[in-house]
Amino acid sequence: MNGVAMLVRRKDGTVLADTDAAVNKRDLRDAVIRGLFLRVVDFSDSDLRRSDFSNAHLYGTYLYRANCAECSFKGALLQGVVLDEAIFSGADFEGAQLIPDAMGTPCTLFGADLKNANLATAILTGCKYDSTTSFPVGFSPENHGMVRKD
């Protein structure tokens, strides 16, 4: 999967998963992923509520339809990450960078729920979204360099 086995733990130390095992469709609430480098890990359809991704580097990772409500992505680097149809209600992207990977593949947010997310200082240049993507009131995706693709 990513070539390096890492244990994903809850804040209380409970082991939730090994990243070399399948981590999609899992209950990973309150996971501590802070500062980890994860390459092509599939968290699709997982419950990641309140997880800490701060200062993590996610490369080519899938968060498709994941529940990321109240997650912290502070200072995280997301490159070419698929965030389609994911829930980010109350998520904090302060200082996060959602940018293309080395091959130019952008992050995608098609159908993502970002209504109550903190995107104020996030770098979103080149991220793709569509008409089903929801944003916080007053947020302008174009002003943040995002590209609409319907």
N, C-alpha and C. Protein backbone atom coordinates (compact mmCIF):
# COMPACT_ATOMS: atom_id res chain seq x y z
N MET A 1 0.83 -1.19 0.00
CA MET A 1 0.00 0.00 0.00
C MET A 1 0.87 1.24 0.00
N ASN A 2 1.51 1.58 1.12
CA ASN A 2 2.34 2.78 1.15
C ASN A 2 3.81 2.44 1.38
N GLY A 3 4.11 1.18 1.54
CA GLY A 3 5.49 0.76 1.70
C GLY A 3 6.03 0.84 3.11
N VAL A 4 5.39 1.57 3.98
CA VAL A 4 5.85 1.71 5.36
C VAL A 4 4.66 1.43 6.28
N ALA A 5 4.80 0.46 7.15
CA ALA A 5 3.72 0.15 8.07
C ALA A 5 3.70 1.17 9.20
N MET A 6 2.53 1.71 9.46
CA MET A 6 2.36 2.65 10.56
C MET A 6 1.08 2.28 11.30
N LEU A 7 1.10 2.40 12.58
CA LEU A 7 -0.10 2.16 13.37
C LEU A 7 -0.86 3.46 13.53
N VAL A 8 -2.15 3.40 13.26
CA VAL A 8 -3.02 4.55 13.48
C VAL A 8 -3.66 4.33 14.85
N ARG A 9 -3.51 5.33 15.72
CA ARG A 9 -4.00 5.21 17.09
C ARG A 9 -5.02 6.28 17.42
N ARG A 10 -5.84 6.00 18.44
CA ARG A 10 -6.73 7.01 19.01
C ARG A 10 -5.91 7.86 19.96
N LYS A 11 -6.50 8.96 20.38
CA LYS A 11 -5.81 9.86 21.31
C LYS A 11 -5.47 9.17 22.63
N ASP A 12 -6.25 8.15 23.00
CA ASP A 12 -5.98 7.43 24.25
C ASP A 12 -4.94 6.31 24.08
N GLY A 13 -4.39 6.16 22.86
CA GLY A 13 -3.37 5.17 22.59
C GLY A 13 -3.87 3.87 21.98
N THR A 14 -5.18 3.68 21.93
CA THR A 14 -5.75 2.47 21.35
C THR A 14 -5.36 2.35 19.88
N VAL A 15 -4.84 1.19 19.48
CA VAL A 15 -4.48 0.97 18.08
C VAL A 15 -5.75 0.75 17.27
N LEU A 16 -5.90 1.54 16.20
CA LEU A 16 -7.07 1.43 15.34
C LEU A 16 -6.79 0.64 14.08
N ALA A 17 -5.61 0.82 13.50
CA ALA A 17 -5.32 0.16 12.23
C ALA A 17 -3.83 0.22 11.93
N ASP A 18 -3.41 -0.68 11.08
CA ASP A 18 -2.07 -0.68 10.51
C ASP A 18 -2.26 -0.20 9.08
N THR A 19 -1.50 0.81 8.65
CA THR A 19 -1.72 1.37 7.32
C THR A 19 -1.37 0.40 6.20
N ASP A 20 -0.68 -0.70 6.48
CA ASP A 20 -0.46 -1.71 5.45
C ASP A 20 -1.67 -2.63 5.33
N ALA A 21 -2.60 -2.56 6.25
CA ALA A 21 -3.85 -3.29 6.16
C ALA A 21 -4.89 -2.36 5.54
N ALA A 22 -6.02 -2.90 5.16
CA ALA A 22 -7.09 -2.07 4.59
C ALA A 22 -7.62 -1.13 5.67
N VAL A 23 -7.64 0.15 5.36
CA VAL A 23 -8.17 1.13 6.31
C VAL A 23 -9.42 1.82 5.78
N ASN A 24 -9.93 1.37 4.64
CA ASN A 24 -11.19 1.92 4.15
C ASN A 24 -12.35 1.25 4.89
N LYS A 25 -13.46 1.95 4.95
CA LYS A 25 -14.68 1.46 5.60
C LYS A 25 -14.43 1.06 7.06
N ARG A 26 -13.65 1.87 7.77
CA ARG A 26 -13.29 1.56 9.15
C ARG A 26 -13.76 2.65 10.10
N ASP A 27 -13.96 2.30 11.35
CA ASP A 27 -14.23 3.27 12.40
C ASP A 27 -12.88 3.73 12.94
N LEU A 28 -12.47 4.92 12.50
CA LEU A 28 -11.17 5.47 12.90
C LEU A 28 -11.35 6.80 13.63
N ARG A 29 -12.49 6.95 14.30
CA ARG A 29 -12.74 8.19 15.04
C ARG A 29 -11.61 8.47 16.02
N ASP A 30 -11.28 9.76 16.14
CA ASP A 30 -10.26 10.24 17.09
C ASP A 30 -8.86 9.72 16.79
N ALA A 31 -8.60 9.34 15.55
CA ALA A 31 -7.26 8.86 15.18
C ALA A 31 -6.24 9.99 15.25
N VAL A 32 -5.03 9.64 15.61
CA VAL A 32 -3.93 10.61 15.65
C VAL A 32 -3.00 10.28 14.47
N ILE A 33 -3.06 11.11 13.44
CA ILE A 33 -2.27 10.94 12.23
C ILE A 33 -1.30 12.12 12.12
N ARG A 34 -1.27 12.90 13.14
CA ARG A 34 -0.44 14.12 13.21
C ARG A 34 1.01 13.83 12.82
N GLY A 35 1.49 14.61 11.83
CA GLY A 35 2.89 14.54 11.43
C GLY A 35 3.29 13.34 10.60
N LEU A 36 2.38 12.43 10.30
CA LEU A 36 2.73 11.25 9.52
C LEU A 36 2.79 11.55 8.03
N PHE A 37 3.60 10.81 7.29
CA PHE A 37 3.60 10.84 5.82
C PHE A 37 2.88 9.60 5.36
N LEU A 38 1.75 9.79 4.67
CA LEU A 38 0.97 8.67 4.15
C LEU A 38 0.87 8.78 2.64
N ARG A 39 1.34 7.77 1.95
CA ARG A 39 1.33 7.76 0.49
C ARG A 39 0.34 6.72 0.00
N VAL A 40 -0.64 7.17 -0.78
CA VAL A 40 -1.65 6.32 -1.41
C VAL A 40 -2.33 5.39 -0.39
N VAL A 41 -2.80 5.96 0.69
CA VAL A 41 -3.58 5.22 1.68
C VAL A 41 -5.06 5.48 1.39
N ASP A 42 -5.88 4.44 1.44
CA ASP A 42 -7.30 4.56 1.11
C ASP A 42 -8.14 4.56 2.38
N PHE A 43 -8.62 5.77 2.75
CA PHE A 43 -9.52 5.93 3.89
C PHE A 43 -10.97 6.05 3.43
N SER A 44 -11.28 5.68 2.18
CA SER A 44 -12.63 5.83 1.63
C SER A 44 -13.67 5.19 2.55
N ASP A 45 -14.79 5.90 2.70
CA ASP A 45 -15.94 5.42 3.49
C ASP A 45 -15.62 5.19 4.96
N SER A 46 -14.52 5.72 5.46
CA SER A 46 -14.17 5.56 6.88
C SER A 46 -14.75 6.69 7.72
N ASP A 47 -14.96 6.40 8.99
CA ASP A 47 -15.41 7.40 9.96
C ASP A 47 -14.17 7.93 10.67
N LEU A 48 -13.77 9.14 10.32
CA LEU A 48 -12.55 9.75 10.87
C LEU A 48 -12.88 10.95 11.75
N ARG A 49 -14.11 11.05 12.21
CA ARG A 49 -14.50 12.22 13.00
C ARG A 49 -13.51 12.51 14.12
N ARG A 50 -13.22 13.80 14.28
CA ARG A 50 -12.35 14.33 15.34
C ARG A 50 -10.91 13.84 15.25
N SER A 51 -10.50 13.32 14.11
CA SER A 51 -9.12 12.85 13.96
C SER A 51 -8.17 14.02 13.76
N ASP A 52 -6.92 13.80 14.12
CA ASP A 52 -5.90 14.85 14.05
C ASP A 52 -4.92 14.55 12.92
N PHE A 53 -5.06 15.30 11.82
CA PHE A 53 -4.16 15.20 10.67
C PHE A 53 -3.20 16.39 10.65
N SER A 54 -3.08 17.12 11.74
CA SER A 54 -2.25 18.32 11.73
C SER A 54 -0.81 17.97 11.37
N ASN A 55 -0.24 18.81 10.50
CA ASN A 55 1.15 18.66 10.02
C ASN A 55 1.44 17.32 9.34
N ALA A 56 0.40 16.60 8.94
CA ALA A 56 0.59 15.35 8.20
C ALA A 56 0.83 15.67 6.73
N HIS A 57 1.44 14.74 6.03
CA HIS A 57 1.64 14.85 4.58
C HIS A 57 0.91 13.67 3.95
N LEU A 58 -0.19 13.98 3.26
CA LEU A 58 -0.97 12.96 2.57
C LEU A 58 -0.72 13.08 1.08
N TYR A 59 -0.19 12.04 0.47
CA TYR A 59 0.17 12.07 -0.94
C TYR A 59 -0.64 11.00 -1.68
N GLY A 60 -1.51 11.44 -2.61
CA GLY A 60 -2.30 10.49 -3.38
C GLY A 60 -3.25 9.67 -2.53
N THR A 61 -3.61 10.19 -1.40
CA THR A 61 -4.47 9.48 -0.44
C THR A 61 -5.94 9.67 -0.80
N TYR A 62 -6.77 8.70 -0.46
CA TYR A 62 -8.20 8.76 -0.75
C TYR A 62 -8.99 8.96 0.54
N LEU A 63 -9.78 10.03 0.55
CA LEU A 63 -10.73 10.28 1.63
C LEU A 63 -12.15 10.32 1.05
N TYR A 64 -12.36 9.56 -0.01
CA TYR A 64 -13.64 9.52 -0.71
C TYR A 64 -14.75 9.09 0.25
N ARG A 65 -15.79 9.89 0.35
CA ARG A 65 -16.96 9.65 1.21
C ARG A 65 -16.61 9.42 2.68
N ALA A 66 -15.45 9.88 3.10
CA ALA A 66 -15.06 9.74 4.51
C ALA A 66 -15.76 10.80 5.34
N ASN A 67 -16.06 10.47 6.59
CA ASN A 67 -16.62 11.45 7.51
C ASN A 67 -15.45 12.07 8.28
N CYS A 68 -15.10 13.29 7.89
CA CYS A 68 -13.97 14.01 8.51
C CYS A 68 -14.47 15.20 9.32
N ALA A 69 -15.69 15.10 9.84
CA ALA A 69 -16.25 16.18 10.65
C ALA A 69 -15.35 16.44 11.85
N GLU A 70 -15.11 17.71 12.12
CA GLU A 70 -14.32 18.17 13.27
C GLU A 70 -12.87 17.67 13.26
N CYS A 71 -12.35 17.29 12.10
CA CYS A 71 -10.94 16.90 12.00
C CYS A 71 -10.06 18.13 11.95
N SER A 72 -8.83 17.99 12.41
CA SER A 72 -7.84 19.06 12.28
C SER A 72 -6.87 18.70 11.17
N PHE A 73 -6.79 19.60 10.18
CA PHE A 73 -5.81 19.49 9.10
C PHE A 73 -4.85 20.67 9.19
N LYS A 74 -4.70 21.26 10.38
CA LYS A 74 -3.84 22.43 10.55
C LYS A 74 -2.42 22.13 10.08
N GLY A 75 -1.93 22.96 9.16
CA GLY A 75 -0.57 22.83 8.68
C GLY A 75 -0.29 21.59 7.85
N ALA A 76 -1.33 20.85 7.48
CA ALA A 76 -1.15 19.61 6.71
C ALA A 76 -0.85 19.92 5.24
N LEU A 77 -0.15 19.01 4.60
CA LEU A 77 0.13 19.09 3.17
C LEU A 77 -0.60 17.93 2.50
N LEU A 78 -1.58 18.27 1.66
CA LEU A 78 -2.35 17.26 0.93
C LEU A 78 -2.03 17.43 -0.54
N GLN A 79 -1.43 16.42 -1.15
CA GLN A 79 -1.04 16.49 -2.55
C GLN A 79 -1.78 15.43 -3.35
N GLY A 80 -2.57 15.88 -4.35
CA GLY A 80 -3.29 14.96 -5.21
C GLY A 80 -4.26 14.07 -4.45
N VAL A 81 -4.85 14.59 -3.39
CA VAL A 81 -5.74 13.82 -2.53
C VAL A 81 -7.18 13.88 -3.05
N VAL A 82 -7.87 12.74 -3.03
CA VAL A 82 -9.27 12.66 -3.44
C VAL A 82 -10.14 12.84 -2.20
N LEU A 83 -10.88 13.96 -2.17
CA LEU A 83 -11.72 14.32 -1.03
C LEU A 83 -13.20 14.35 -1.44
N ASP A 84 -13.52 13.70 -2.55
CA ASP A 84 -14.86 13.74 -3.12
C ASP A 84 -15.90 13.16 -2.16
N GLU A 85 -17.03 13.86 -2.04
CA GLU A 85 -18.19 13.47 -1.24
C GLU A 85 -17.88 13.27 0.24
N ALA A 86 -16.76 13.78 0.70
CA ALA A 86 -16.40 13.68 2.12
C ALA A 86 -17.10 14.77 2.92
N ILE A 87 -17.27 14.54 4.19
CA ILE A 87 -17.91 15.49 5.11
C ILE A 87 -16.82 16.15 5.94
N PHE A 88 -16.77 17.49 5.87
CA PHE A 88 -15.76 18.26 6.60
C PHE A 88 -16.41 19.29 7.52
N SER A 89 -17.61 19.03 7.99
CA SER A 89 -18.30 19.97 8.88
C SER A 89 -17.46 20.20 10.14
N GLY A 90 -17.11 21.44 10.40
CA GLY A 90 -16.33 21.78 11.58
C GLY A 90 -14.85 21.45 11.47
N ALA A 91 -14.39 21.00 10.30
CA ALA A 91 -12.97 20.68 10.12
C ALA A 91 -12.15 21.97 10.04
N ASP A 92 -10.91 21.89 10.48
CA ASP A 92 -10.02 23.06 10.51
C ASP A 92 -8.86 22.84 9.55
N PHE A 93 -8.82 23.67 8.50
CA PHE A 93 -7.75 23.61 7.50
C PHE A 93 -6.80 24.80 7.63
N GLU A 94 -6.67 25.36 8.83
CA GLU A 94 -5.80 26.52 9.04
C GLU A 94 -4.37 26.20 8.59
N GLY A 95 -3.89 26.96 7.61
CA GLY A 95 -2.52 26.79 7.12
C GLY A 95 -2.28 25.53 6.31
N ALA A 96 -3.33 24.78 6.00
CA ALA A 96 -3.17 23.56 5.20
C ALA A 96 -2.95 23.92 3.74
N GLN A 97 -2.25 23.05 3.04
CA GLN A 97 -2.03 23.22 1.60
C GLN A 97 -2.62 22.03 0.88
N LEU A 98 -3.61 22.28 0.02
CA LEU A 98 -4.21 21.25 -0.81
C LEU A 98 -3.76 21.56 -2.23
N ILE A 99 -2.73 20.87 -2.68
CA ILE A 99 -2.07 21.22 -3.94
C ILE A 99 -1.89 19.97 -4.81
N PRO A 100 -1.55 20.17 -6.10
CA PRO A 100 -1.31 19.01 -6.97
C PRO A 100 -0.10 18.19 -6.51
N ASP A 101 -0.10 16.91 -6.90
CA ASP A 101 1.05 16.06 -6.60
C ASP A 101 2.16 16.30 -7.63
N ALA A 102 3.23 15.55 -7.57
CA ALA A 102 4.38 15.75 -8.45
C ALA A 102 4.05 15.54 -9.92
N MET A 103 3.00 14.78 -10.22
CA MET A 103 2.58 14.54 -11.60
C MET A 103 1.55 15.57 -12.07
N GLY A 104 1.19 16.51 -11.20
CA GLY A 104 0.22 17.54 -11.55
C GLY A 104 -1.22 17.18 -11.26
N THR A 105 -1.46 16.03 -10.62
CA THR A 105 -2.82 15.62 -10.28
C THR A 105 -3.32 16.48 -9.12
N PRO A 106 -4.42 17.23 -9.33
CA PRO A 106 -4.90 18.12 -8.28
C PRO A 106 -5.70 17.39 -7.20
N CYS A 107 -5.88 18.05 -6.09
CA CYS A 107 -6.83 17.57 -5.09
C CYS A 107 -8.23 17.79 -5.66
N THR A 108 -9.15 16.88 -5.37
CA THR A 108 -10.53 17.03 -5.84
C THR A 108 -11.48 17.06 -4.66
N LEU A 109 -12.47 17.93 -4.77
CA LEU A 109 -13.47 18.13 -3.73
C LEU A 109 -14.88 18.03 -4.31
N PHE A 110 -15.09 17.17 -5.31
CA PHE A 110 -16.39 17.03 -5.95
C PHE A 110 -17.41 16.51 -4.94
N GLY A 111 -18.47 17.28 -4.73
CA GLY A 111 -19.53 16.87 -3.81
C GLY A 111 -19.17 16.91 -2.34
N ALA A 112 -18.04 17.50 -1.99
CA ALA A 112 -17.62 17.56 -0.58
C ALA A 112 -18.46 18.57 0.19
N ASP A 113 -18.69 18.29 1.47
CA ASP A 113 -19.43 19.19 2.36
C ASP A 113 -18.42 19.95 3.22
N LEU A 114 -18.20 21.20 2.84
CA LEU A 114 -17.25 22.07 3.55
C LEU A 114 -17.98 23.23 4.23
N LYS A 115 -19.30 23.11 4.41
CA LYS A 115 -20.13 24.23 4.89
C LYS A 115 -19.61 24.90 6.15
N ASN A 116 -19.20 24.16 7.11
CA ASN A 116 -18.75 24.75 8.38
C ASN A 116 -17.27 24.55 8.62
N ALA A 117 -16.51 24.37 7.55
CA ALA A 117 -15.06 24.17 7.69
C ALA A 117 -14.34 25.51 7.74
N ASN A 118 -13.20 25.54 8.41
CA ASN A 118 -12.35 26.73 8.44
C ASN A 118 -11.37 26.62 7.28
N LEU A 119 -11.62 27.40 6.22
CA LEU A 119 -10.78 27.40 5.03
C LEU A 119 -10.04 28.72 4.85
N ALA A 120 -10.18 29.63 5.81
CA ALA A 120 -9.69 31.01 5.66
C ALA A 120 -8.23 31.11 5.25
N THR A 121 -7.34 30.33 5.83
CA THR A 121 -5.92 30.45 5.51
C THR A 121 -5.38 29.24 4.73
N ALA A 122 -6.29 28.40 4.25
CA ALA A 122 -5.87 27.23 3.48
C ALA A 122 -5.44 27.64 2.08
N ILE A 123 -4.43 26.96 1.55
CA ILE A 123 -4.00 27.15 0.17
C ILE A 123 -4.70 26.07 -0.65
N LEU A 124 -5.57 26.52 -1.56
CA LEU A 124 -6.42 25.60 -2.33
C LEU A 124 -6.20 25.74 -3.83
N THR A 125 -5.11 26.35 -4.23
CA THR A 125 -4.84 26.63 -5.63
C THR A 125 -4.84 25.35 -6.47
N GLY A 126 -5.71 25.35 -7.50
CA GLY A 126 -5.79 24.21 -8.41
C GLY A 126 -6.74 23.12 -7.98
N CYS A 127 -7.28 23.18 -6.76
CA CYS A 127 -8.25 22.17 -6.32
C CYS A 127 -9.47 22.22 -7.23
N LYS A 128 -9.98 21.06 -7.57
CA LYS A 128 -11.18 21.00 -8.41
C LYS A 128 -12.40 20.73 -7.55
N TYR A 129 -13.51 21.37 -7.94
CA TYR A 129 -14.78 21.20 -7.26
C TYR A 129 -15.88 21.26 -8.30
N ASP A 130 -17.12 20.97 -7.91
CA ASP A 130 -18.24 21.06 -8.84
C ASP A 130 -19.44 21.71 -8.16
N SER A 131 -20.57 21.72 -8.86
CA SER A 131 -21.76 22.40 -8.35
C SER A 131 -22.32 21.73 -7.10
N THR A 132 -21.93 20.50 -6.82
CA THR A 132 -22.44 19.81 -5.63
C THR A 132 -21.55 20.00 -4.40
N THR A 133 -20.43 20.70 -4.57
CA THR A 133 -19.54 21.00 -3.44
C THR A 133 -20.14 22.15 -2.65
N SER A 134 -20.24 22.01 -1.34
CA SER A 134 -20.79 23.10 -0.52
C SER A 134 -19.67 23.74 0.30
N PHE A 135 -19.73 25.09 0.36
CA PHE A 135 -18.69 25.88 1.02
C PHE A 135 -19.28 26.70 2.16
N PRO A 136 -18.42 27.21 3.06
CA PRO A 136 -18.91 28.10 4.12
C PRO A 136 -19.54 29.36 3.51
N VAL A 137 -20.49 29.93 4.21
CA VAL A 137 -21.14 31.17 3.77
C VAL A 137 -20.07 32.23 3.54
N GLY A 138 -20.13 32.87 2.38
CA GLY A 138 -19.20 33.95 2.06
C GLY A 138 -17.88 33.50 1.47
N PHE A 139 -17.64 32.20 1.41
CA PHE A 139 -16.38 31.70 0.85
C PHE A 139 -16.46 31.71 -0.66
N SER A 140 -15.42 32.22 -1.31
CA SER A 140 -15.36 32.26 -2.77
C SER A 140 -14.25 31.33 -3.26
N PRO A 141 -14.62 30.17 -3.83
CA PRO A 141 -13.59 29.23 -4.28
C PRO A 141 -12.67 29.83 -5.34
N GLU A 142 -13.23 30.66 -6.21
CA GLU A 142 -12.41 31.28 -7.27
C GLU A 142 -11.34 32.19 -6.67
N ASN A 143 -11.68 32.91 -5.61
CA ASN A 143 -10.70 33.79 -4.95
C ASN A 143 -9.57 33.01 -4.28
N HIS A 144 -9.77 31.73 -4.09
CA HIS A 144 -8.74 30.86 -3.50
C HIS A 144 -8.05 30.00 -4.56
N GLY A 145 -8.29 30.32 -5.84
CA GLY A 145 -7.61 29.63 -6.93
C GLY A 145 -8.16 28.26 -7.28
N MET A 146 -9.37 27.97 -6.80
CA MET A 146 -9.98 26.68 -7.10
C MET A 146 -10.57 26.69 -8.51
N VAL A 147 -10.72 25.51 -9.09
CA VAL A 147 -11.20 25.37 -10.46
C VAL A 147 -12.49 24.56 -10.47
N ARG A 148 -13.56 25.16 -11.02
CA ARG A 148 -14.84 24.45 -11.09
C ARG A 148 -14.87 23.56 -12.33
N LYS A 149 -15.25 22.30 -12.13
CA LYS A 149 -15.39 21.33 -13.22
C LYS A 149 -16.72 20.62 -13.06
N ASP A 150 -17.68 20.95 -13.91
CA ASP A 150 -19.00 20.28 -13.85
C ASP A 150 -19.17 19.32 -15.00
